[in-house]
PDB file of N, CA and C in Angstrom:
ATOM      1  N   UNK A   1     -21.150  10.675  -4.649  1.00  0.00           N
ATOM      2  CA  UNK A   1     -21.066   9.675  -3.678  1.00  0.00           C
ATOM      3  C   UNK A   1     -19.484   9.427  -3.221  1.00  0.00           C
ATOM      4  N   UNK A   2     -18.791   9.211  -4.132  1.00  0.00           N
ATOM      5  CA  UNK A   2     -17.276   8.911  -3.918  1.00  0.00           C
ATOM      6  C   UNK A   2     -16.679  10.200  -3.255  1.00  0.00           C
ATOM      7  N   UNK A   3     -17.012  11.519  -3.850  1.00  0.00           N
ATOM      8  CA  UNK A   3     -16.308  12.692  -3.421  1.00  0.00           C
ATOM      9  C   UNK A   3     -16.895  13.068  -1.860  1.00  0.00           C
ATOM     10  N   UNK A   4     -18.155  12.570  -1.571  1.00  0.00           N
ATOM     11  CA  UNK A   4     -18.611  12.800  -0.217  1.00  0.00           C
ATOM     12  C   UNK A   4     -17.744  11.793   0.727  1.00  0.00           C
ATOM     13  N   UNK A   5     -17.441  10.653   0.224  1.00  0.00           N
ATOM     14  CA  UNK A   5     -16.803   9.858   1.022  1.00  0.00           C
ATOM     15  C   UNK A   5     -15.373  10.283   1.232  1.00  0.00           C
ATOM     16  N   UNK A   6     -14.736  10.743   0.173  1.00  0.00           N
ATOM     17  CA  UNK A   6     -13.474  11.333   0.410  1.00  0.00           C
ATOM     18  C   UNK A   6     -13.451  12.582   1.386  1.00  0.00           C
ATOM     19  N   UNK A   7     -14.413  13.271   1.357  1.00  0.00           N
ATOM     20  CA  UNK A   7     -14.582  14.569   2.129  1.00  0.00           C
ATOM     21  C   UNK A   7     -14.750  14.056   3.470  1.00  0.00           C
ATOM     22  N   UNK A   8     -15.462  13.119   3.859  1.00  0.00           N
ATOM     23  CA  UNK A   8     -15.693  12.541   5.140  1.00  0.00           C
ATOM     24  C   UNK A   8     -14.357  11.965   5.681  1.00  0.00           C
ATOM     25  N   UNK A   9     -13.667  11.200   4.864  1.00  0.00           N
ATOM     26  CA  UNK A   9     -12.436  10.637   5.240  1.00  0.00           C
ATOM     27  C   UNK A   9     -11.471  11.677   5.552  1.00  0.00           C
ATOM     28  N   UNK A  10     -11.455  12.645   4.683  1.00  0.00           N
ATOM     29  CA  UNK A  10     -10.471  13.744   4.855  1.00  0.00           C
ATOM     30  C   UNK A  10     -10.711  14.552   6.155  1.00  0.00           C
ATOM     31  N   UNK A  11     -11.847  14.822   6.437  1.00  0.00           N
ATOM     32  CA  UNK A  11     -12.312  15.570   7.729  1.00  0.00           C
ATOM     33  C   UNK A  11     -11.912  14.631   9.025  1.00  0.00           C
ATOM     34  N   UNK A  12     -12.205  13.206   8.886  1.00  0.00           N
ATOM     35  CA  UNK A  12     -11.884  12.394   9.897  1.00  0.00           C
ATOM     36  C   UNK A  12     -10.286  12.370  10.177  1.00  0.00           C
ATOM     37  N   UNK A  13      -9.476  12.301   8.925  1.00  0.00           N
ATOM     38  CA  UNK A  13      -7.999  12.372   9.182  1.00  0.00           C
ATOM     39  C   UNK A  13      -7.529  13.475   9.697  1.00  0.00           C
ATOM     40  N   UNK A  14      -8.167  14.823   9.346  1.00  0.00           N
ATOM     41  CA  UNK A  14      -7.629  16.016   9.683  1.00  0.00           C
ATOM     42  C   UNK A  14      -7.762  16.050  11.321  1.00  0.00           C
ATOM     43  N   UNK A  15      -8.947  15.437  11.826  1.00  0.00           N
ATOM     44  CA  UNK A  15      -9.213  15.494  13.207  1.00  0.00           C
ATOM     45  C   UNK A  15      -8.299  14.607  14.046  1.00  0.00           C
ATOM     46  N   UNK A  16      -7.566  13.671  13.371  1.00  0.00           N
ATOM     47  CA  UNK A  16      -6.768  12.476  13.913  1.00  0.00           C
ATOM     48  C   UNK A  16      -5.527  13.212  14.283  1.00  0.00           C
ATOM     49  N   UNK A  17      -5.065  12.914  15.511  1.00  0.00           N
ATOM     50  CA  UNK A  17      -3.772  13.392  15.749  1.00  0.00           C
ATOM     51  C   UNK A  17      -3.220  12.254  16.768  1.00  0.00           C
ATOM     52  N   UNK A  18      -2.157  11.658  16.362  1.00  0.00           N
ATOM     53  CA  UNK A  18      -1.492  10.688  17.358  1.00  0.00           C
ATOM     54  C   UNK A  18      -1.135  11.150  18.697  1.00  0.00           C
ATOM     55  N   UNK A  19      -1.194  10.092  19.568  1.00  0.00           N
ATOM     56  CA  UNK A  19      -0.581  10.469  20.955  1.00  0.00           C
ATOM     57  C   UNK A  19       0.782  10.634  20.885  1.00  0.00           C
ATOM     58  N   UNK A  20       1.326  11.826  21.497  1.00  0.00           N
ATOM     59  CA  UNK A  20       2.735  12.179  21.217  1.00  0.00           C
ATOM     60  C   UNK A  20       3.698  11.592  22.401  1.00  0.00           C
ATOM     61  N   UNK A  21       3.151  10.305  22.844  1.00  0.00           N
ATOM     62  CA  UNK A  21       4.070   9.622  23.672  1.00  0.00           C
ATOM     63  C   UNK A  21       5.382   9.300  23.166  1.00  0.00           C
ATOM     64  N   UNK A  22       5.410   9.016  21.956  1.00  0.00           N
ATOM     65  CA  UNK A  22       6.756   8.831  21.179  1.00  0.00           C
ATOM     66  C   UNK A  22       6.854   9.869  20.078  1.00  0.00           C
ATOM     67  N   UNK A  23       7.611  10.929  20.411  1.00  0.00           N
ATOM     68  CA  UNK A  23       7.573  12.129  19.488  1.00  0.00           C
ATOM     69  C   UNK A  23       8.050  11.759  17.874  1.00  0.00           C
ATOM     70  N   UNK A  24       8.917  10.981  17.747  1.00  0.00           N
ATOM     71  CA  UNK A  24       9.401  10.680  16.396  1.00  0.00           C
ATOM     72  C   UNK A  24       8.350   9.906  15.707  1.00  0.00           C
ATOM     73  N   UNK A  25       7.652   9.069  16.366  1.00  0.00           N
ATOM     74  CA  UNK A  25       6.638   8.293  15.712  1.00  0.00           C
ATOM     75  C   UNK A  25       5.344   9.090  15.384  1.00  0.00           C
ATOM     76  N   UNK A  26       5.061  10.103  16.429  1.00  0.00           N
ATOM     77  CA  UNK A  26       3.926  10.870  16.341  1.00  0.00           C
ATOM     78  C   UNK A  26       4.188  11.865  15.127  1.00  0.00           C
ATOM     79  N   UNK A  27       5.406  12.308  14.842  1.00  0.00           N
ATOM     80  CA  UNK A  27       5.783  13.124  13.778  1.00  0.00           C
ATOM     81  C   UNK A  27       5.610  12.332  12.411  1.00  0.00           C
ATOM     82  N   UNK A  28       6.026  11.278  12.290  1.00  0.00           N
ATOM     83  CA  UNK A  28       5.943  10.294  11.216  1.00  0.00           C
ATOM     84  C   UNK A  28       4.463  10.037  10.894  1.00  0.00           C
ATOM     85  N   UNK A  29       3.666   9.902  11.928  1.00  0.00           N
ATOM     86  CA  UNK A  29       2.312   9.559  11.702  1.00  0.00           C
ATOM     87  C   UNK A  29       1.452  10.837  11.182  1.00  0.00           C
ATOM     88  N   UNK A  30       1.863  11.950  11.668  1.00  0.00           N
ATOM     89  CA  UNK A  30       1.220  13.153  11.309  1.00  0.00           C
ATOM     90  C   UNK A  30       1.675  13.469   9.769  1.00  0.00           C
ATOM     91  N   UNK A  31       2.937  13.159   9.435  1.00  0.00           N
ATOM     92  CA  UNK A  31       3.344  13.347   8.025  1.00  0.00           C
ATOM     93  C   UNK A  31       2.566  12.523   7.106  1.00  0.00           C
ATOM     94  N   UNK A  32       2.298  11.154   7.549  1.00  0.00           N
ATOM     95  CA  UNK A  32       1.574  10.357   6.736  1.00  0.00           C
ATOM     96  C   UNK A  32       0.103  10.765   6.587  1.00  0.00           C
ATOM     97  N   UNK A  33      -0.475  11.093   7.772  1.00  0.00           N
ATOM     98  CA  UNK A  33      -1.839  11.678   7.708  1.00  0.00           C
ATOM     99  C   UNK A  33      -1.956  12.763   6.810  1.00  0.00           C
ATOM    100  N   UNK A  34      -0.858  13.909   6.908  1.00  0.00           N
ATOM    101  CA  UNK A  34      -1.074  14.920   6.082  1.00  0.00           C
ATOM    102  C   UNK A  34      -1.067  14.774   4.562  1.00  0.00           C
ATOM    103  N   UNK A  35      -0.207  13.812   4.306  1.00  0.00           N
ATOM    104  CA  UNK A  35      -0.017  13.225   2.797  1.00  0.00           C
ATOM    105  C   UNK A  35      -1.240  12.555   2.297  1.00  0.00           C
ATOM    106  N   UNK A  36      -2.019  11.781   3.172  1.00  0.00           N
ATOM    107  CA  UNK A  36      -3.247  11.010   2.846  1.00  0.00           C
ATOM    108  C   UNK A  36      -4.244  12.113   2.581  1.00  0.00           C
ATOM    109  N   UNK A  37      -4.350  13.206   3.436  1.00  0.00           N
ATOM    110  CA  UNK A  37      -5.240  14.194   3.247  1.00  0.00           C
ATOM    111  C   UNK A  37      -4.957  14.840   1.833  1.00  0.00           C
ATOM    112  N   UNK A  38      -3.889  15.142   1.496  1.00  0.00           N
ATOM    113  CA  UNK A  38      -3.571  15.763   0.344  1.00  0.00           C
ATOM    114  C   UNK A  38      -3.824  15.142  -0.981  1.00  0.00           C
ATOM    115  N   UNK A  39      -3.515  13.733  -0.912  1.00  0.00           N
ATOM    116  CA  UNK A  39      -3.771  12.846  -2.047  1.00  0.00           C
ATOM    117  C   UNK A  39      -5.429  12.692  -2.157  1.00  0.00           C
ATOM    118  N   UNK A  40      -6.107  12.628  -1.020  1.00  0.00           N
ATOM    119  CA  UNK A  40      -7.430  12.563  -1.032  1.00  0.00           C
ATOM    120  C   UNK A  40      -8.182  13.834  -1.701  1.00  0.00           C
ATOM    121  N   UNK A  41      -7.527  15.091  -1.287  1.00  0.00           N
ATOM    122  CA  UNK A  41      -8.065  16.105  -2.021  1.00  0.00           C
ATOM    123  C   UNK A  41      -7.842  16.230  -3.493  1.00  0.00           C
ATOM    124  N   UNK A  42      -6.752  15.711  -3.794  1.00  0.00           N
ATOM    125  CA  UNK A  42      -6.130  15.501  -5.165  1.00  0.00           C
ATOM    126  C   UNK A  42      -7.174  14.699  -5.988  1.00  0.00           C
ATOM    127  N   UNK A  43      -7.479  13.691  -5.282  1.00  0.00           N
ATOM    128  CA  UNK A  43      -8.437  12.587  -5.925  1.00  0.00           C
ATOM    129  C   UNK A  43      -9.792  13.167  -6.190  1.00  0.00           C
ATOM    130  N   UNK A  44     -10.234  13.997  -5.178  1.00  0.00           N
ATOM    131  CA  UNK A  44     -11.594  14.672  -5.223  1.00  0.00           C
ATOM    132  C   UNK A  44     -11.503  15.569  -6.493  1.00  0.00           C
ATOM    133  N   UNK A  45     -10.383  16.425  -6.636  1.00  0.00           N
ATOM    134  CA  UNK A  45     -10.236  17.357  -7.717  1.00  0.00           C
ATOM    135  C   UNK A  45     -10.006  16.591  -8.984  1.00  0.00           C
ATOM    136  N   UNK A  46      -9.485  15.359  -9.031  1.00  0.00           N
ATOM    137  CA  UNK A  46      -9.331  14.568 -10.215  1.00  0.00           C
ATOM    138  C   UNK A  46     -10.676  14.133 -10.698  1.00  0.00           C
ATOM    139  N   UNK A  47     -11.706  13.740  -9.649  1.00  0.00           N
ATOM    140  CA  UNK A  47     -12.972  13.349 -10.204  1.00  0.00           C
ATOM    141  C   UNK A  47     -13.793  14.510 -10.755  1.00  0.00           C
ATOM    142  N   UNK A  48     -13.596  15.705 -10.059  1.00  0.00           N
ATOM    143  CA  UNK A  48     -14.418  16.738 -10.529  1.00  0.00           C
ATOM    144  C   UNK A  48     -13.881  17.162 -11.873  1.00  0.00           C
ATOM    145  N   UNK A  49     -12.478  17.054 -12.335  1.00  0.00           N
ATOM    146  CA  UNK A  49     -11.928  17.274 -13.654  1.00  0.00           C
ATOM    147  C   UNK A  49     -12.568  16.328 -14.588  1.00  0.00           C
ATOM    148  N   UNK A  50     -12.800  14.994 -14.277  1.00  0.00           N
ATOM    149  CA  UNK A  50     -13.508  14.054 -15.145  1.00  0.00           C
ATOM    150  C   UNK A  50     -14.861  14.626 -15.466  1.00  0.00           C
ATOM    151  N   UNK A  51     -15.573  14.992 -14.379  1.00  0.00           N
ATOM    152  CA  UNK A  51     -16.962  15.243 -14.541  1.00  0.00           C
ATOM    153  C   UNK A  51     -17.024  16.532 -15.368  1.00  0.00           C
ATOM    154  N   UNK A  52     -16.337  17.655 -15.268  1.00  0.00           N
ATOM    155  CA  UNK A  52     -16.198  18.919 -15.951  1.00  0.00           C
ATOM    156  C   UNK A  52     -15.819  18.637 -17.424  1.00  0.00           C
ATOM    157  N   UNK A  53     -15.078  17.561 -17.584  1.00  0.00           N
ATOM    158  CA  UNK A  53     -14.536  17.323 -18.960  1.00  0.00           C
ATOM    159  C   UNK A  53     -15.324  16.269 -19.755  1.00  0.00           C
ATOM    160  N   UNK A  54     -16.476  15.989 -19.229  1.00  0.00           N
ATOM    161  CA  UNK A  54     -17.522  15.043 -19.884  1.00  0.00           C
ATOM    162  C   UNK A  54     -16.961  13.577 -19.800  1.00  0.00           C
ATOM    163  N   UNK A  55     -16.116  13.107 -18.951  1.00  0.00           N
ATOM    164  CA  UNK A  55     -15.638  11.754 -18.786  1.00  0.00           C
ATOM    165  C   UNK A  55     -16.665  11.116 -18.043  1.00  0.00           C
ATOM    166  N   UNK A  56     -16.704   9.878 -18.352  1.00  0.00           N
ATOM    167  CA  UNK A  56     -17.669   9.072 -17.383  1.00  0.00           C
ATOM    168  C   UNK A  56     -16.789   8.387 -16.248  1.00  0.00           C
ATOM    169  N   UNK A  57     -17.438   8.620 -15.035  1.00  0.00           N
ATOM    170  CA  UNK A  57     -16.909   8.358 -13.890  1.00  0.00           C
ATOM    171  C   UNK A  57     -17.031   6.837 -13.355  1.00  0.00           C
ATOM    172  N   UNK A  58     -17.786   6.104 -14.205  1.00  0.00           N
ATOM    173  CA  UNK A  58     -18.101   4.731 -13.880  1.00  0.00           C
ATOM    174  C   UNK A  58     -16.837   3.956 -13.522  1.00  0.00           C
ATOM    175  N   UNK A  59     -15.873   4.080 -14.382  1.00  0.00           N
ATOM    176  CA  UNK A  59     -14.523   3.285 -13.970  1.00  0.00           C
ATOM    177  C   UNK A  59     -13.804   3.735 -12.724  1.00  0.00           C
ATOM    178  N   UNK A  60     -13.653   5.084 -12.552  1.00  0.00           N
ATOM    179  CA  UNK A  60     -13.174   5.472 -11.344  1.00  0.00           C
ATOM    180  C   UNK A  60     -13.986   5.050 -10.116  1.00  0.00           C
ATOM    181  N   UNK A  61     -15.239   5.295 -10.206  1.00  0.00           N
ATOM    182  CA  UNK A  61     -16.129   4.977  -9.089  1.00  0.00           C
ATOM    183  C   UNK A  61     -15.905   3.414  -8.720  1.00  0.00           C
ATOM    184  N   UNK A  62     -15.916   2.591  -9.753  1.00  0.00           N
ATOM    185  CA  UNK A  62     -15.782   1.021  -9.547  1.00  0.00           C
ATOM    186  C   UNK A  62     -14.586   0.788  -8.862  1.00  0.00           C
ATOM    187  N   UNK A  63     -13.534   1.404  -9.280  1.00  0.00           N
ATOM    188  CA  UNK A  63     -12.124   1.188  -8.707  1.00  0.00           C
ATOM    189  C   UNK A  63     -11.923   1.802  -7.294  1.00  0.00           C
ATOM    190  N   UNK A  64     -12.604   2.991  -7.104  1.00  0.00           N
ATOM    191  CA  UNK A  64     -12.293   3.655  -5.741  1.00  0.00           C
ATOM    192  C   UNK A  64     -13.234   2.952  -4.698  1.00  0.00           C
ATOM    193  N   UNK A  65     -14.457   2.411  -5.075  1.00  0.00           N
ATOM    194  CA  UNK A  65     -15.234   1.944  -3.910  1.00  0.00           C
ATOM    195  C   UNK A  65     -15.269   0.462  -3.688  1.00  0.00           C
ATOM    196  N   UNK A  66     -14.367  -0.171  -4.463  1.00  0.00           N
ATOM    197  CA  UNK A  66     -14.604  -1.714  -4.583  1.00  0.00           C
ATOM    198  C   UNK A  66     -13.915  -2.358  -3.373  1.00  0.00           C
ATOM    199  N   UNK A  67     -14.465  -3.401  -2.643  1.00  0.00           N
ATOM    200  CA  UNK A  67     -13.877  -4.443  -1.873  1.00  0.00           C
ATOM    201  C   UNK A  67     -13.091  -3.646  -0.566  1.00  0.00           C
ATOM    202  N   UNK A  68     -13.444  -2.353  -0.306  1.00  0.00           N
ATOM    203  CA  UNK A  68     -12.723  -1.839   0.840  1.00  0.00           C
ATOM    204  C   UNK A  68     -11.290  -1.943   0.610  1.00  0.00           C
ATOM    205  N   UNK A  69     -10.774  -1.708  -0.713  1.00  0.00           N
ATOM    206  CA  UNK A  69      -9.259  -1.789  -0.749  1.00  0.00           C
ATOM    207  C   UNK A  69      -8.854  -0.326  -1.470  1.00  0.00           C
ATOM    208  N   UNK A  70      -9.063   0.606  -0.649  1.00  0.00           N
ATOM    209  CA  UNK A  70      -8.882   1.989  -1.119  1.00  0.00           C
ATOM    210  C   UNK A  70      -7.663   2.262  -1.648  1.00  0.00           C
ATOM    211  N   UNK A  71      -6.543   1.750  -1.067  1.00  0.00           N
ATOM    212  CA  UNK A  71      -5.255   2.083  -1.672  1.00  0.00           C
ATOM    213  C   UNK A  71      -5.012   1.500  -3.035  1.00  0.00           C
ATOM    214  N   UNK A  72      -5.193   0.374  -3.123  1.00  0.00           N
ATOM    215  CA  UNK A  72      -5.102  -0.317  -4.467  1.00  0.00           C
ATOM    216  C   UNK A  72      -6.078   0.342  -5.369  1.00  0.00           C
ATOM    217  N   UNK A  73      -7.167   0.565  -5.092  1.00  0.00           N
ATOM    218  CA  UNK A  73      -8.230   1.200  -5.949  1.00  0.00           C
ATOM    219  C   UNK A  73      -7.761   2.607  -6.327  1.00  0.00           C
ATOM    220  N   UNK A  74      -7.275   3.208  -5.435  1.00  0.00           N
ATOM    221  CA  UNK A  74      -6.801   4.483  -5.687  1.00  0.00           C
ATOM    222  C   UNK A  74      -5.560   4.573  -6.614  1.00  0.00           C
ATOM    223  N   UNK A  75      -4.695   3.670  -6.451  1.00  0.00           N
ATOM    224  CA  UNK A  75      -3.516   3.445  -7.373  1.00  0.00           C
ATOM    225  C   UNK A  75      -4.158   3.163  -8.734  1.00  0.00           C
ATOM    226  N   UNK A  76      -5.127   2.455  -8.877  1.00  0.00           N
ATOM    227  CA  UNK A  76      -5.697   2.058 -10.272  1.00  0.00           C
ATOM    228  C   UNK A  76      -6.362   3.251 -10.918  1.00  0.00           C
ATOM    229  N   UNK A  77      -7.214   4.047 -10.022  1.00  0.00           N
ATOM    230  CA  UNK A  77      -7.870   5.324 -10.437  1.00  0.00           C
ATOM    231  C   UNK A  77      -6.847   6.329 -10.905  1.00  0.00           C
ATOM    232  N   UNK A  78      -5.764   6.418 -10.142  1.00  0.00           N
ATOM    233  CA  UNK A  78      -4.673   7.250 -10.689  1.00  0.00           C
ATOM    234  C   UNK A  78      -4.028   6.910 -11.913  1.00  0.00           C
ATOM    235  N   UNK A  79      -3.767   5.564 -12.185  1.00  0.00           N
ATOM    236  CA  UNK A  79      -3.381   5.121 -13.458  1.00  0.00           C
ATOM    237  C   UNK A  79      -4.408   5.389 -14.460  1.00  0.00           C
ATOM    238  N   UNK A  80      -5.574   5.251 -14.331  1.00  0.00           N
ATOM    239  CA  UNK A  80      -6.579   5.595 -15.304  1.00  0.00           C
ATOM    240  C   UNK A  80      -6.651   7.130 -15.542  1.00  0.00           C
ATOM    241  N   UNK A  81      -6.616   7.917 -14.575  1.00  0.00           N
ATOM    242  CA  UNK A  81      -6.518   9.346 -14.751  1.00  0.00           C
ATOM    243  C   UNK A  81      -5.201   9.632 -15.565  1.00  0.00           C
ATOM    244  N   UNK A  82      -4.202   8.919 -15.251  1.00  0.00           N
ATOM    245  CA  UNK A  82      -2.789   9.306 -15.953  1.00  0.00           C
ATOM    246  C   UNK A  82      -3.170   9.155 -17.541  1.00  0.00           C
ATOM    247  N   UNK A  83      -3.849   7.949 -17.843  1.00  0.00           N
ATOM    248  CA  UNK A  83      -4.094   7.703 -19.211  1.00  0.00           C
ATOM    249  C   UNK A  83      -5.034   8.605 -19.856  1.00  0.00           C
ATOM    250  N   UNK A  84      -6.103   9.019 -19.120  1.00  0.00           N
ATOM    251  CA  UNK A  84      -7.096   9.963 -19.631  1.00  0.00           C
ATOM    252  C   UNK A  84      -6.534  11.370 -19.670  1.00  0.00           C
ATOM    253  N   UNK A  85      -5.884  11.909 -18.803  1.00  0.00           N
ATOM    254  CA  UNK A  85      -5.630  13.278 -18.622  1.00  0.00           C
ATOM    255  C   UNK A  85      -3.998  13.636 -19.192  1.00  0.00           C
ATOM    256  N   UNK A  86      -3.365  12.488 -19.575  1.00  0.00           N
ATOM    257  CA  UNK A  86      -2.092  12.905 -20.300  1.00  0.00           C
ATOM    258  C   UNK A  86      -1.071  13.042 -19.122  1.00  0.00           C
ATOM    259  N   UNK A  87      -1.110  12.562 -18.075  1.00  0.00           N
ATOM    260  CA  UNK A  87      -0.100  12.564 -17.132  1.00  0.00           C
ATOM    261  C   UNK A  87      -0.383  13.251 -15.717  1.00  0.00           C
ATOM    262  N   UNK A  88       0.222  12.571 -14.724  1.00  0.00           N
ATOM    263  CA  UNK A  88      -0.053  13.052 -13.358  1.00  0.00           C
ATOM    264  C   UNK A  88       1.073  14.262 -13.171  1.00  0.00           C
ATOM    265  N   UNK A  89       0.628  15.208 -12.262  1.00  0.00           N
ATOM    266  CA  UNK A  89       1.599  16.132 -11.808  1.00  0.00           C
ATOM    267  C   UNK A  89       2.731  15.354 -11.062  1.00  0.00           C
ATOM    268  N   UNK A  90       3.915  15.994 -10.939  1.00  0.00           N
ATOM    269  CA  UNK A  90       4.915  15.478  -9.973  1.00  0.00           C
ATOM    270  C   UNK A  90       4.422  15.421  -8.726  1.00  0.00           C
ATOM    271  N   UNK A  91       3.765  16.349  -8.412  1.00  0.00           N
ATOM    272  CA  UNK A  91       3.361  16.545  -6.765  1.00  0.00           C
ATOM    273  C   UNK A  91       2.327  15.377  -6.744  1.00  0.00           C
ATOM    274  N   UNK A  92       1.511  15.066  -7.353  1.00  0.00           N
ATOM    275  CA  UNK A  92       0.588  14.017  -7.199  1.00  0.00           C
ATOM    276  C   UNK A  92       1.290  12.609  -7.196  1.00  0.00           C
ATOM    277  N   UNK A  93       2.322  12.468  -8.026  1.00  0.00           N
ATOM    278  CA  UNK A  93       3.040  11.301  -8.003  1.00  0.00           C
ATOM    279  C   UNK A  93       3.712  11.169  -6.497  1.00  0.00           C
ATOM    280  N   UNK A  94       4.302  12.210  -6.247  1.00  0.00           N
ATOM    281  CA  UNK A  94       5.053  12.110  -4.776  1.00  0.00           C
ATOM    282  C   UNK A  94       3.924  11.886  -3.760  1.00  0.00           C
ATOM    283  N   UNK A  95       2.831  12.442  -3.568  1.00  0.00           N
ATOM    284  CA  UNK A  95       1.783  12.309  -2.680  1.00  0.00           C
ATOM    285  C   UNK A  95       1.350  10.815  -2.731  1.00  0.00           C
ATOM    286  N   UNK A  96       1.208  10.230  -3.749  1.00  0.00           N
ATOM    287  CA  UNK A  96       0.567   8.884  -3.771  1.00  0.00           C
ATOM    288  C   UNK A  96       1.634   7.828  -3.212  1.00  0.00           C
ATOM    289  N   UNK A  97       2.847   8.119  -2.800  1.00  0.00           N
ATOM    290  CA  UNK A  97       3.698   7.372  -2.138  1.00  0.00           C
ATOM    291  C   UNK A  97       3.295   7.013  -0.708  1.00  0.00           C
ATOM    292  N   UNK A  98       2.301   7.769  -0.279  1.00  0.00           N
ATOM    293  CA  UNK A  98       1.916   7.498   1.060  1.00  0.00           C
ATOM    294  C   UNK A  98       1.344   6.000   1.108  1.00  0.00           C
ATOM    295  N   UNK A  99       0.734   5.496   0.152  1.00  0.00           N
ATOM    296  CA  UNK A  99       0.192   4.127   0.252  1.00  0.00           C
ATOM    297  C   UNK A  99       1.109   3.076   0.560  1.00  0.00           C
ATOM    298  N   UNK A 100       2.339   3.371   0.181  1.00  0.00           N
ATOM    299  CA  UNK A 100       3.362   2.266   0.393  1.00  0.00           C
ATOM    300  C   UNK A 100       3.854   2.398   1.838  1.00  0.00           C
ATOM    301  N   UNK A 101       3.607   3.591   2.527  1.00  0.00           N
ATOM    302  CA  UNK A 101       4.124   3.780   3.907  1.00  0.00           C
ATOM    303  C   UNK A 101       2.963   3.290   4.923  1.00  0.00           C
ATOM    304  N   UNK A 102       1.736   3.192   4.541  1.00  0.00           N
ATOM    305  CA  UNK A 102       0.625   3.027   5.381  1.00  0.00           C
ATOM    306  C   UNK A 102       0.325   1.606   5.395  1.00  0.00           C
ATOM    307  N   UNK A 103       1.099   0.822   6.198  1.00  0.00           N
ATOM    308  CA  UNK A 103       0.969  -0.604   6.376  1.00  0.00           C
ATOM    309  C   UNK A 103       0.404  -0.843   7.775  1.00  0.00           C
ATOM    310  N   UNK A 104      -0.251  -1.997   7.994  1.00  0.00           N
ATOM    311  CA  UNK A 104      -0.863  -2.171   9.414  1.00  0.00           C
ATOM    312  C   UNK A 104       0.033  -2.086  10.528  1.00  0.00           C
ATOM    313  N   UNK A 105       1.196  -2.595  10.433  1.00  0.00           N
ATOM    314  CA  UNK A 105       2.132  -2.504  11.378  1.00  0.00           C
ATOM    315  C   UNK A 105       2.974  -1.186  11.523  1.00  0.00           C
ATOM    316  N   UNK A 106       2.832  -0.414  10.641  1.00  0.00           N
ATOM    317  CA  UNK A 106       2.901   0.930  10.287  1.00  0.00           C
ATOM    318  C   UNK A 106       3.969   1.842  10.620  1.00  0.00           C
ATOM    319  N   UNK A 107       3.580   2.734  11.484  1.00  0.00           N
ATOM    320  CA  UNK A 107       4.060   3.911  11.552  1.00  0.00           C
ATOM    321  C   UNK A 107       5.574   3.938  12.074  1.00  0.00           C
ATOM    322  N   UNK A 108       5.930   3.018  12.860  1.00  0.00           N
ATOM    323  CA  UNK A 108       7.301   2.914  13.248  1.00  0.00           C
ATOM    324  C   UNK A 108       8.381   2.406  12.166  1.00  0.00           C
ATOM    325  N   UNK A 109       7.708   1.239  11.331  1.00  0.00           N
ATOM    326  CA  UNK A 109       8.379   0.818  10.169  1.00  0.00           C
ATOM    327  C   UNK A 109       8.440   1.900   9.213  1.00  0.00           C
ATOM    328  N   UNK A 110       7.444   2.747   8.844  1.00  0.00           N
ATOM    329  CA  UNK A 110       7.560   3.764   7.733  1.00  0.00           C
ATOM    330  C   UNK A 110       8.555   4.770   8.380  1.00  0.00           C
ATOM    331  N   UNK A 111       8.671   5.258   9.607  1.00  0.00           N
ATOM    332  CA  UNK A 111       9.558   6.161  10.128  1.00  0.00           C
ATOM    333  C   UNK A 111      11.075   5.664   9.836  1.00  0.00           C
ATOM    334  N   UNK A 112      11.186   4.352  10.234  1.00  0.00           N
ATOM    335  CA  UNK A 112      12.667   3.783  10.036  1.00  0.00           C
ATOM    336  C   UNK A 112      12.902   3.740   8.470  1.00  0.00           C
ATOM    337  N   UNK A 113      12.015   3.334   7.747  1.00  0.00           N
ATOM    338  CA  UNK A 113      12.294   3.340   6.208  1.00  0.00           C
ATOM    339  C   UNK A 113      12.702   4.773   5.719  1.00  0.00           C
ATOM    340  N   UNK A 114      11.966   5.865   6.147  1.00  0.00           N
ATOM    341  CA  UNK A 114      12.108   7.061   5.783  1.00  0.00           C
ATOM    342  C   UNK A 114      13.599   7.610   6.276  1.00  0.00           C
ATOM    343  N   UNK A 115      13.870   7.346   7.462  1.00  0.00           N
ATOM    344  CA  UNK A 115      15.111   7.720   8.022  1.00  0.00           C
ATOM    345  C   UNK A 115      16.395   7.163   7.257  1.00  0.00           C
ATOM    346  N   UNK A 116      16.137   5.646   7.041  1.00  0.00           N
ATOM    347  CA  UNK A 116      17.130   4.948   6.303  1.00  0.00           C
ATOM    348  C   UNK A 116      17.273   5.463   4.737  1.00  0.00           C
ATOM    349  N   UNK A 117      16.209   5.813   4.214  1.00  0.00           N
ATOM    350  CA  UNK A 117      16.390   6.475   2.852  1.00  0.00           C
ATOM    351  C   UNK A 117      17.019   7.725   2.881  1.00  0.00           C
ATOM    352  N   UNK A 118      16.674   8.649   3.885  1.00  0.00           N
ATOM    353  CA  UNK A 118      17.340   9.958   3.939  1.00  0.00           C
ATOM    354  C   UNK A 118      18.818   9.722   4.332  1.00  0.00           C
ATOM    355  N   UNK A 119      19.201   8.826   5.093  1.00  0.00           N
ATOM    356  CA  UNK A 119      20.596   8.601   5.393  1.00  0.00           C
ATOM    357  C   UNK A 119      21.339   8.153   4.149  1.00  0.00           C
ATOM    358  N   UNK A 120      20.782   7.183   3.331  1.00  0.00           N
ATOM    359  CA  UNK A 120      21.409   6.591   2.183  1.00  0.00           C
ATOM    360  C   UNK A 120      21.577   7.767   1.217  1.00  0.00           C
ATOM    361  N   UNK A 121      20.631   8.501   1.034  1.00  0.00           N
ATOM    362  CA  UNK A 121      20.720   9.547   0.087  1.00  0.00           C
ATOM    363  C   UNK A 121      21.852  10.548   0.372  1.00  0.00           C
ATOM    364  N   UNK A 122      21.831  10.997   1.817  1.00  0.00           N
ATOM    365  CA  UNK A 122      22.878  11.777   2.252  1.00  0.00           C
ATOM    366  C   UNK A 122      24.232  11.405   2.088  1.00  0.00           C
ATOM    367  N   UNK A 123      24.498  10.195   2.091  1.00  0.00           N
ATOM    368  CA  UNK A 123      25.787   9.560   2.169  1.00  0.00           C
ATOM    369  C   UNK A 123      26.327   9.241   0.756  1.00  0.00           C
ATOM    370  N   UNK A 124      25.451   9.417  -0.264  1.00  0.00           N
ATOM    371  CA  UNK A 124      25.764   9.444  -1.759  1.00  0.00           C
ATOM    372  C   UNK A 124      26.500  10.576  -2.208  1.00  0.00           C
TER     373      UNK A 124
END
């Protein structure tokens, strides 16, 4: 059930492309959408990993589907996976940073933050 929901969300996100009225914002939005798709695919693989390794999925399902707070629930599920599987891959840790960028006021703020971080890292 959870994997089907992730698949449906992934398909919807893949079909979503922002209006290119503001190119820099559209690019930032596409980057975030791509990262969300990747982390959702990783989550689906994580759920399959647990199923194939005889782990009970009750905790993961409870945290992923609870209260429509997918980002918080995903973070908790990834923490549980980290405990059970002995560590997240570096790529998955990086991909989960999308949740901090996807705020309701969103895309412009995320783009500004990303540019600010890039500029500060270049100046170091």
